Structures are given as structure tokens and as C-alpha cells.
Amino acid sequence: MPPATRRLSGIERAERTAILEALRRHGDNKVRAAESLGIGRATLYRKLRAYGMDQA
């Protein structure tokens, strides 16, 4: 089930943007994107789900 549609806070928008940029920089390689963000792979996957980006 997709997350409820709600307005993101400023920090959530910044985090989402950073994740998207890291994925773009690393050719959608989630392991490398997570490493570049300083977070674990599982955390990245959890955030992708939370922001509704896990279908990418």
C-alpha cells in the first residue's frame, strides 16, 4: 500500500532531493548511493518506501 499523500516538511524535501541526486550520480546503484549518503542500504530502502520512490 502506498504511503498516505501528505505534505513533506522542509527537511524531508531536502532528504528526498539528496536521495534522488545520489541515485542519479551513481546510476541508480542503491548500495553506492547509500554509501555516499552515509546511511545503510536498509535505511535507504526504508526511505525510498516512505517517500513513495521504491518503484524506481
Protein backbone atom coordinates (compact mmCIF):
# COMPACT_ATOMS: atom_id res chain seq x y z
CA MET A 1 0.00 0.00 0.00
CA PRO A 2 1.47 3.41 -0.96
CA PRO A 3 2.17 5.90 1.81
CA ALA A 4 -0.57 8.41 2.52
CA THR A 5 -0.22 11.56 0.48
CA ARG A 6 0.90 14.36 2.74
CA ARG A 7 2.93 17.48 2.52
CA LEU A 8 6.62 16.89 3.21
CA SER A 9 8.44 19.05 5.72
CA GLY A 10 11.42 21.09 4.58
CA ILE A 11 13.89 18.56 5.94
CA GLU A 12 12.02 15.69 4.28
CA ARG A 13 12.09 17.52 0.93
CA ALA A 14 15.83 18.10 1.33
CA GLU A 15 16.40 14.45 2.24
CA ARG A 16 14.31 13.24 -0.72
CA THR A 17 16.25 15.54 -3.06
CA ALA A 18 19.59 14.28 -1.68
CA ILE A 19 18.49 10.67 -2.20
CA LEU A 20 17.37 11.34 -5.77
CA GLU A 21 20.62 13.13 -6.54
CA ALA A 22 22.73 10.32 -5.04
CA LEU A 23 20.82 7.73 -7.07
CA ARG A 24 21.31 9.78 -10.24
CA ARG A 25 25.04 10.25 -9.57
CA HIS A 26 25.52 6.54 -9.01
CA GLY A 27 23.41 5.32 -11.93
CA ASP A 28 20.60 4.10 -9.64
CA ASN A 29 23.04 1.85 -7.77
CA LYS A 30 21.41 1.84 -4.35
CA VAL A 31 24.41 0.41 -2.49
CA ARG A 32 26.72 3.16 -3.75
CA ALA A 33 24.06 5.85 -3.25
CA ALA A 34 23.55 4.75 0.37
CA GLU A 35 27.31 4.74 0.98
CA SER A 36 27.65 8.24 -0.47
CA LEU A 37 24.85 9.45 1.82
CA GLY A 38 26.44 7.81 4.85
CA ILE A 39 23.46 5.55 5.51
CA GLY A 40 22.92 1.82 5.36
CA ARG A 41 21.30 0.12 2.40
CA ALA A 42 18.31 -0.95 4.51
CA THR A 43 17.82 2.66 5.63
CA LEU A 44 17.88 3.83 2.02
CA TYR A 45 15.25 1.25 1.05
CA ARG A 46 13.09 2.31 4.01
CA LYS A 47 13.33 5.96 3.00
CA LEU A 48 12.55 5.12 -0.64
CA ARG A 49 9.38 3.37 0.54
CA ALA A 50 8.45 6.23 2.87
CA TYR A 51 8.77 8.76 0.05
CA GLY A 52 6.95 6.55 -2.44
CA MET A 53 10.07 6.12 -4.58
CA ASP A 54 10.51 2.36 -4.21
CA GLN A 55 9.14 1.60 -7.68
CA ALA A 56 12.13 3.34 -9.29
